[in-house]
Amino acid sequence: MQDLTFQQMSLKMKRKEEVLGMKYEIKGDTLPVVVCYLEGGEQMITERGSMSWMSPNMKMETTTNGGIGKAFGRMFSGEAMFQNRYTAMGGGMG
C-alpha cells in the first residue's frame, strides 16, 4: 500500500476519480472537501485535524507510522509527528 499525502492526492484529482484504487469525490467549489469511499478493510492515513467527519464503521488509530525515527523525520520537515490511520470495518463503503 502506497501512502499519499493530501497534496499528492490533490495533484492527481479531477472531479471524480480513483487514486490507487480508492474511490473519492470532490464536493464544493469555494471550500471544497474530498469524500473518500473505502471498501471494508481499506485504510487511509491522515495528518492531525484533516478529518472532518466519518462513517460509524470507521476505526481510528493514532500511530507514528513507521517508528520513532520516521516520526521525528516528519516533525523536522514540518509535518505532524503522529498520523491517524482510519480503517473501514465490515463490508460496504465507509
N, C-alpha and C. Protein backbone atom coordinates (compact mmCIF):
# COMPACT_ATOMS: atom_id res chain seq x y z
N MET A 1 0.84 -1.18 0.00
CA MET A 1 0.00 0.00 0.00
C MET A 1 0.88 1.24 0.00
N GLN A 2 0.66 2.14 -0.93
CA GLN A 2 1.44 3.37 -1.02
C GLN A 2 0.70 4.47 -0.29
N ASP A 3 1.40 5.21 0.58
CA ASP A 3 0.80 6.31 1.31
C ASP A 3 0.92 7.58 0.49
N LEU A 4 -0.16 8.32 0.34
CA LEU A 4 -0.16 9.59 -0.37
C LEU A 4 -0.55 10.70 0.59
N THR A 5 0.12 11.83 0.53
CA THR A 5 -0.30 12.98 1.31
C THR A 5 -1.46 13.64 0.60
N PHE A 6 -2.15 14.55 1.30
CA PHE A 6 -3.27 15.25 0.69
C PHE A 6 -2.81 16.04 -0.53
N GLN A 7 -1.61 16.66 -0.43
CA GLN A 7 -1.10 17.43 -1.56
C GLN A 7 -0.86 16.53 -2.77
N GLN A 8 -0.31 15.34 -2.56
CA GLN A 8 -0.08 14.42 -3.67
C GLN A 8 -1.40 13.96 -4.27
N MET A 9 -2.39 13.69 -3.40
CA MET A 9 -3.70 13.28 -3.90
C MET A 9 -4.34 14.39 -4.71
N SER A 10 -4.22 15.63 -4.22
CA SER A 10 -4.90 16.74 -4.90
C SER A 10 -4.31 16.98 -6.28
N LEU A 11 -3.03 16.66 -6.48
CA LEU A 11 -2.43 16.80 -7.80
C LEU A 11 -3.02 15.79 -8.78
N LYS A 12 -3.47 14.64 -8.29
CA LYS A 12 -3.99 13.58 -9.15
C LYS A 12 -5.50 13.69 -9.36
N MET A 13 -6.16 14.56 -8.60
CA MET A 13 -7.62 14.60 -8.61
C MET A 13 -8.18 15.49 -9.70
N LYS A 14 -9.34 15.10 -10.15
CA LYS A 14 -10.14 15.97 -11.02
C LYS A 14 -11.45 16.16 -10.28
N ARG A 15 -12.53 15.64 -10.78
CA ARG A 15 -13.80 15.75 -10.07
C ARG A 15 -14.24 14.42 -9.46
N LYS A 16 -14.16 13.33 -10.18
CA LYS A 16 -14.48 12.01 -9.65
C LYS A 16 -13.45 11.07 -10.24
N GLU A 17 -12.73 10.38 -9.40
CA GLU A 17 -11.61 9.59 -9.90
C GLU A 17 -11.26 8.52 -8.88
N GLU A 18 -10.22 7.76 -9.19
CA GLU A 18 -9.66 6.80 -8.25
C GLU A 18 -8.18 7.06 -8.14
N VAL A 19 -7.65 7.02 -6.92
CA VAL A 19 -6.22 7.12 -6.68
C VAL A 19 -5.80 5.78 -6.11
N LEU A 20 -5.00 5.04 -6.84
CA LEU A 20 -4.55 3.72 -6.41
C LEU A 20 -5.72 2.85 -5.98
N GLY A 21 -6.83 2.93 -6.69
CA GLY A 21 -7.98 2.09 -6.40
C GLY A 21 -8.95 2.67 -5.39
N MET A 22 -8.62 3.78 -4.71
CA MET A 22 -9.53 4.38 -3.74
C MET A 22 -10.48 5.33 -4.47
N LYS A 23 -11.77 5.13 -4.25
CA LYS A 23 -12.76 5.99 -4.88
C LYS A 23 -12.96 7.24 -4.02
N TYR A 24 -13.06 8.38 -4.67
CA TYR A 24 -13.26 9.63 -3.96
C TYR A 24 -14.02 10.60 -4.84
N GLU A 25 -14.52 11.65 -4.22
CA GLU A 25 -15.26 12.68 -4.94
C GLU A 25 -14.95 14.03 -4.29
N ILE A 26 -14.75 15.06 -5.10
CA ILE A 26 -14.54 16.41 -4.59
C ILE A 26 -15.88 17.12 -4.64
N LYS A 27 -16.30 17.68 -3.49
CA LYS A 27 -17.58 18.38 -3.41
C LYS A 27 -17.32 19.83 -3.01
N GLY A 28 -18.04 20.74 -3.64
CA GLY A 28 -17.94 22.16 -3.31
C GLY A 28 -16.94 22.87 -4.21
N ASP A 29 -17.08 24.19 -4.27
CA ASP A 29 -16.20 25.00 -5.11
C ASP A 29 -15.35 25.97 -4.28
N THR A 30 -15.99 26.78 -3.44
CA THR A 30 -15.25 27.77 -2.65
C THR A 30 -14.42 27.11 -1.56
N LEU A 31 -15.03 26.21 -0.80
CA LEU A 31 -14.34 25.45 0.25
C LEU A 31 -14.55 23.97 -0.02
N PRO A 32 -13.84 23.41 -0.99
CA PRO A 32 -14.08 22.02 -1.37
C PRO A 32 -13.62 21.03 -0.30
N VAL A 33 -14.28 19.88 -0.30
CA VAL A 33 -13.88 18.77 0.56
C VAL A 33 -13.72 17.53 -0.31
N VAL A 34 -12.91 16.61 0.15
CA VAL A 34 -12.73 15.33 -0.53
C VAL A 34 -13.47 14.28 0.27
N VAL A 35 -14.40 13.58 -0.37
CA VAL A 35 -15.12 12.48 0.26
C VAL A 35 -14.51 11.19 -0.29
N CYS A 36 -13.92 10.39 0.60
CA CYS A 36 -13.28 9.13 0.20
C CYS A 36 -14.21 7.98 0.55
N TYR A 37 -14.36 7.05 -0.38
CA TYR A 37 -15.21 5.88 -0.19
C TYR A 37 -14.31 4.66 -0.04
N LEU A 38 -14.22 4.12 1.17
CA LEU A 38 -13.35 2.99 1.44
C LEU A 38 -14.15 1.71 1.51
N GLU A 39 -13.66 0.66 0.88
CA GLU A 39 -14.24 -0.68 0.99
C GLU A 39 -13.81 -1.26 2.34
N GLY A 40 -14.50 -2.30 2.81
CA GLY A 40 -14.14 -2.96 4.05
C GLY A 40 -12.68 -3.39 4.05
N GLY A 41 -11.93 -3.02 5.09
CA GLY A 41 -10.52 -3.38 5.21
C GLY A 41 -9.56 -2.34 4.63
N GLU A 42 -10.05 -1.44 3.79
CA GLU A 42 -9.17 -0.40 3.23
C GLU A 42 -8.80 0.61 4.31
N GLN A 43 -7.61 1.19 4.18
CA GLN A 43 -7.13 2.15 5.16
C GLN A 43 -6.75 3.47 4.50
N MET A 44 -6.83 4.53 5.30
CA MET A 44 -6.41 5.85 4.85
C MET A 44 -5.65 6.49 6.01
N ILE A 45 -4.52 7.12 5.71
CA ILE A 45 -3.70 7.77 6.72
C ILE A 45 -3.80 9.28 6.53
N THR A 46 -4.07 10.00 7.63
CA THR A 46 -4.22 11.45 7.55
C THR A 46 -3.37 12.11 8.63
N GLU A 47 -3.15 13.40 8.46
CA GLU A 47 -2.49 14.19 9.49
C GLU A 47 -3.54 14.75 10.44
N ARG A 48 -3.08 15.21 11.58
CA ARG A 48 -3.94 15.76 12.62
C ARG A 48 -4.81 16.89 12.05
N GLY A 49 -6.10 16.84 12.37
CA GLY A 49 -7.01 17.90 12.00
C GLY A 49 -7.54 17.86 10.58
N SER A 50 -7.20 16.84 9.82
CA SER A 50 -7.63 16.84 8.42
C SER A 50 -8.93 16.06 8.18
N MET A 51 -9.44 15.35 9.18
CA MET A 51 -10.68 14.58 9.02
C MET A 51 -11.82 15.39 9.62
N SER A 52 -12.83 15.71 8.80
CA SER A 52 -13.97 16.50 9.26
C SER A 52 -15.08 15.62 9.82
N TRP A 53 -15.35 14.51 9.15
CA TRP A 53 -16.39 13.58 9.60
C TRP A 53 -16.07 12.20 9.04
N MET A 54 -16.72 11.18 9.62
CA MET A 54 -16.52 9.81 9.12
C MET A 54 -17.75 8.98 9.44
N SER A 55 -17.88 7.87 8.73
CA SER A 55 -18.98 6.94 8.95
C SER A 55 -18.76 6.20 10.27
N PRO A 56 -19.84 5.70 10.87
CA PRO A 56 -19.70 4.97 12.13
C PRO A 56 -18.89 3.68 12.01
N ASN A 57 -18.73 3.13 10.80
CA ASN A 57 -17.99 1.87 10.65
C ASN A 57 -16.48 2.09 10.47
N MET A 58 -15.99 3.29 10.74
CA MET A 58 -14.56 3.57 10.62
C MET A 58 -13.88 3.42 11.98
N LYS A 59 -12.72 2.78 11.99
CA LYS A 59 -11.92 2.62 13.20
C LYS A 59 -10.71 3.54 13.08
N MET A 60 -10.42 4.33 14.12
CA MET A 60 -9.29 5.26 14.08
C MET A 60 -8.19 4.82 15.04
N GLU A 61 -6.94 4.87 14.59
CA GLU A 61 -5.78 4.63 15.44
C GLU A 61 -4.79 5.76 15.20
N THR A 62 -4.14 6.24 16.26
CA THR A 62 -3.08 7.23 16.11
C THR A 62 -1.76 6.49 16.21
N THR A 63 -0.84 6.75 15.27
CA THR A 63 0.39 5.98 15.19
C THR A 63 1.55 6.87 14.74
N THR A 64 2.77 6.39 14.98
CA THR A 64 3.95 7.07 14.44
C THR A 64 4.17 6.65 13.00
N ASN A 65 3.47 5.61 12.56
CA ASN A 65 3.52 5.13 11.18
C ASN A 65 4.94 4.95 10.66
N GLY A 66 5.64 4.00 11.23
CA GLY A 66 7.00 3.72 10.75
C GLY A 66 8.04 3.84 11.85
N GLY A 67 7.61 4.03 13.07
CA GLY A 67 8.56 4.10 14.16
C GLY A 67 8.92 5.53 14.53
N ILE A 68 9.65 5.63 15.63
CA ILE A 68 10.00 6.94 16.18
C ILE A 68 10.94 7.72 15.26
N GLY A 69 11.81 7.01 14.52
CA GLY A 69 12.72 7.69 13.59
C GLY A 69 11.98 8.41 12.49
N LYS A 70 11.00 7.74 11.88
CA LYS A 70 10.21 8.38 10.82
C LYS A 70 9.36 9.50 11.39
N ALA A 71 8.86 9.31 12.62
CA ALA A 71 8.04 10.34 13.25
C ALA A 71 8.85 11.62 13.45
N PHE A 72 10.08 11.49 13.96
CA PHE A 72 10.93 12.67 14.14
C PHE A 72 11.30 13.29 12.80
N GLY A 73 11.53 12.46 11.78
CA GLY A 73 11.82 12.96 10.44
C GLY A 73 10.68 13.81 9.91
N ARG A 74 9.44 13.34 10.12
CA ARG A 74 8.28 14.13 9.69
C ARG A 74 8.19 15.43 10.47
N MET A 75 8.46 15.35 11.79
CA MET A 75 8.37 16.53 12.63
C MET A 75 9.37 17.60 12.18
N PHE A 76 10.61 17.21 11.89
CA PHE A 76 11.63 18.17 11.49
C PHE A 76 11.41 18.71 10.08
N SER A 77 10.61 18.02 9.28
CA SER A 77 10.31 18.52 7.93
C SER A 77 9.02 19.32 7.89
N GLY A 78 8.44 19.58 9.07
CA GLY A 78 7.25 20.43 9.13
C GLY A 78 5.93 19.68 9.12
N GLU A 79 5.97 18.35 9.07
CA GLU A 79 4.73 17.57 9.10
C GLU A 79 4.43 17.16 10.53
N ALA A 80 3.27 16.58 10.73
CA ALA A 80 2.88 16.11 12.06
C ALA A 80 3.67 14.86 12.43
N MET A 81 4.08 14.79 13.69
CA MET A 81 4.84 13.64 14.18
C MET A 81 3.98 12.38 14.19
N PHE A 82 2.72 12.52 14.60
CA PHE A 82 1.81 11.39 14.65
C PHE A 82 0.82 11.49 13.51
N GLN A 83 0.35 10.35 13.05
CA GLN A 83 -0.63 10.30 11.97
C GLN A 83 -1.80 9.44 12.42
N ASN A 84 -2.96 9.72 11.87
CA ASN A 84 -4.16 8.94 12.17
C ASN A 84 -4.41 7.96 11.04
N ARG A 85 -4.65 6.71 11.41
CA ARG A 85 -4.97 5.67 10.43
C ARG A 85 -6.44 5.29 10.61
N TYR A 86 -7.21 5.41 9.54
CA TYR A 86 -8.63 5.07 9.54
C TYR A 86 -8.82 3.80 8.73
N THR A 87 -9.52 2.83 9.31
CA THR A 87 -9.79 1.56 8.64
C THR A 87 -11.30 1.36 8.55
N ALA A 88 -11.78 1.05 7.34
CA ALA A 88 -13.20 0.75 7.15
C ALA A 88 -13.45 -0.67 7.65
N MET A 89 -14.35 -0.82 8.60
CA MET A 89 -14.67 -2.12 9.18
C MET A 89 -15.90 -2.70 8.50
N GLY A 90 -15.87 -4.00 8.23
CA GLY A 90 -17.03 -4.67 7.65
C GLY A 90 -17.15 -4.41 6.16
N GLY A 91 -18.26 -4.83 5.60
CA GLY A 91 -18.49 -4.68 4.17
C GLY A 91 -19.09 -3.33 3.83
N GLY A 92 -19.19 -3.07 2.57
CA GLY A 92 -19.77 -1.82 2.10
C GLY A 92 -18.80 -0.67 2.17
N MET A 93 -19.27 0.48 1.77
CA MET A 93 -18.43 1.67 1.73
C MET A 93 -18.41 2.36 3.08
N GLY A 94 -17.21 2.88 3.45
CA GLY A 94 -17.07 3.63 4.70
C GLY A 94 -16.84 5.08 4.43
